[in-house]
């Protein structure tokens, strides 16, 4: 596995834990810190759980998963981030949103690009 992919797995682990844990444990307080309107705490906790599950998979990738496992992890991460970008962009284009929501989209776009690049590199890599 390339060095940059290991770094991507580690960075994604940290970002996902930092975002997911507060959403799982205290969604109202967490979103309130950003002035986010009250959101259904069940959906916020599900998002927190999903982010923590993705953090766990990235941790596994960073710790040295097999080539087959890494391939699957990259596909899942790419699918999640690309679909998240599509959903966020759909909402952002429909109304005025504060800057931090656009920043959130930027973070997901950065991860989506990184995961898609990793996916393309994986497909192009010679099979052992």
Protein backbone atom coordinates (compact mmCIF):
# COMPACT_ATOMS: atom_id res chain seq x y z
CA UNK A 1 0.00 0.00 0.00
CA UNK A 2 1.32 3.45 -0.88
CA UNK A 3 2.41 5.92 1.78
CA UNK A 4 -0.19 8.51 0.77
CA UNK A 5 -2.98 5.91 1.03
CA UNK A 6 -1.85 5.02 4.55
CA UNK A 7 -1.91 8.74 5.42
CA UNK A 8 -5.38 9.07 3.87
CA UNK A 9 -6.65 6.17 5.97
CA UNK A 10 -5.20 7.74 9.13
CA UNK A 11 -6.51 11.26 8.43
CA UNK A 12 -9.94 9.85 7.59
CA UNK A 13 -9.93 7.87 10.84
CA UNK A 14 -9.21 10.97 12.92
CA UNK A 15 -11.70 13.23 11.12
CA UNK A 16 -14.44 10.59 11.27
CA UNK A 17 -13.94 10.00 15.01
CA UNK A 18 -13.86 13.73 15.77
CA UNK A 19 -17.10 14.24 13.83
CA UNK A 20 -18.85 10.95 14.61
CA UNK A 21 -18.38 10.58 18.35
CA UNK A 22 -20.05 13.87 19.33
CA UNK A 23 -22.93 13.21 16.93
CA UNK A 24 -23.47 9.77 18.43
CA UNK A 25 -23.21 10.84 22.07
CA UNK A 26 -24.71 14.36 22.11
CA UNK A 27 -26.21 15.34 18.76
CA UNK A 28 -28.23 18.30 20.07
CA UNK A 29 -25.30 19.91 21.86
CA UNK A 30 -22.92 19.19 19.00
CA UNK A 31 -25.12 20.71 16.32
CA UNK A 32 -26.07 23.55 18.67
CA UNK A 33 -22.41 24.62 18.84
CA UNK A 34 -22.70 25.47 15.16
CA UNK A 35 -26.09 27.12 15.47
CA UNK A 36 -27.58 24.28 13.47
CA UNK A 37 -31.36 24.13 13.68
CA UNK A 38 -32.72 21.26 15.77
CA UNK A 39 -32.47 18.04 13.84
CA UNK A 40 -33.94 14.65 14.57
CA UNK A 41 -31.53 13.19 17.15
CA UNK A 42 -32.09 9.66 15.83
CA UNK A 43 -30.82 10.55 12.35
CA UNK A 44 -27.92 12.54 13.85
CA UNK A 45 -26.93 9.56 15.99
CA UNK A 46 -27.17 7.25 12.95
CA UNK A 47 -24.84 9.59 11.06
CA UNK A 48 -22.47 9.55 14.05
CA UNK A 49 -22.55 5.75 14.07
CA UNK A 50 -21.90 5.61 10.32
CA UNK A 51 -18.93 7.97 10.66
CA UNK A 52 -17.51 5.87 13.49
CA UNK A 53 -17.97 2.68 11.46
CA UNK A 54 -16.10 4.31 8.58
CA UNK A 55 -13.42 5.43 11.04
CA UNK A 56 -13.04 1.82 12.15
CA UNK A 57 -12.69 0.62 8.56
CA UNK A 58 -10.11 3.33 7.83
CA UNK A 59 -8.24 2.32 10.99
CA UNK A 60 -8.21 -1.27 9.74
CA UNK A 61 -6.89 -0.07 6.39
CA UNK A 62 -4.18 1.96 8.07
CA UNK A 63 -3.16 -0.94 10.31
CA UNK A 64 -2.38 -3.11 7.30
CA UNK A 65 -5.38 -4.84 5.81
CA UNK A 66 -4.90 -7.29 2.97
CA UNK A 67 -4.98 -6.01 -0.62
CA UNK A 68 -8.50 -7.38 -1.07
CA UNK A 69 -9.69 -5.72 2.14
CA UNK A 70 -8.07 -2.41 1.18
CA UNK A 71 -9.83 -2.53 -2.20
CA UNK A 72 -13.20 -3.02 -0.53
CA UNK A 73 -12.53 -0.28 2.03
CA UNK A 74 -11.62 2.19 -0.71
CA UNK A 75 -14.79 1.37 -2.64
CA UNK A 76 -16.98 1.88 0.44
CA UNK A 77 -15.25 5.14 1.41
CA UNK A 78 -15.52 6.45 -2.17
CA UNK A 79 -19.20 5.53 -2.42
CA UNK A 80 -20.06 7.15 0.92
CA UNK A 81 -18.21 10.40 0.26
CA UNK A 82 -19.38 10.81 -3.35
CA UNK A 83 -23.02 10.15 -2.40
CA UNK A 84 -22.71 12.52 0.57
CA UNK A 85 -21.36 15.23 -1.75
CA UNK A 86 -24.29 14.72 -4.12
CA UNK A 87 -26.81 14.98 -1.29
CA UNK A 88 -25.18 18.02 0.29
CA UNK A 89 -24.84 19.81 -3.03
CA UNK A 90 -28.52 19.17 -3.79
CA UNK A 91 -29.48 20.86 -0.51
CA UNK A 92 -26.95 23.68 -0.75
CA UNK A 93 -28.09 24.75 -4.20
CA UNK A 94 -31.71 24.98 -3.06
CA UNK A 95 -31.39 27.57 -0.28
CA UNK A 96 -29.03 29.88 1.60
CA UNK A 97 -26.83 27.98 4.04
CA UNK A 98 -24.17 29.27 6.46
CA UNK A 99 -20.47 29.07 5.60
CA UNK A 100 -19.80 26.05 7.80
CA UNK A 101 -22.16 23.89 5.76
CA UNK A 102 -20.18 24.82 2.63
CA UNK A 103 -17.02 23.96 4.58
CA UNK A 104 -18.53 20.58 5.40
CA UNK A 105 -19.15 20.04 1.68
CA UNK A 106 -15.53 21.01 1.01
CA UNK A 107 -14.27 18.41 3.47
CA UNK A 108 -16.40 15.71 1.86
CA UNK A 109 -15.32 16.79 -1.64
CA UNK A 110 -11.66 16.54 -0.60
CA UNK A 111 -12.20 13.04 0.79
CA UNK A 112 -14.29 12.02 -2.25
CA UNK A 113 -11.55 13.12 -4.64
CA UNK A 114 -8.89 11.33 -2.59
CA UNK A 115 -10.89 8.09 -2.38
CA UNK A 116 -11.76 8.16 -6.09
CA UNK A 117 -8.08 8.74 -6.97
CA UNK A 118 -7.17 5.79 -4.73
CA UNK A 119 -9.84 3.71 -6.44
CA UNK A 120 -8.53 4.58 -9.92
CA UNK A 121 -4.96 3.81 -8.84
CA UNK A 122 -6.09 0.49 -7.42
CA UNK A 123 -7.84 -0.47 -10.66
CA UNK A 124 -4.81 0.52 -12.74
CA UNK A 125 -2.30 -1.25 -10.50
CA UNK A 126 -0.93 -4.52 -11.82
CA UNK A 127 -2.44 -7.56 -10.15
CA UNK A 128 0.00 -9.71 -8.15
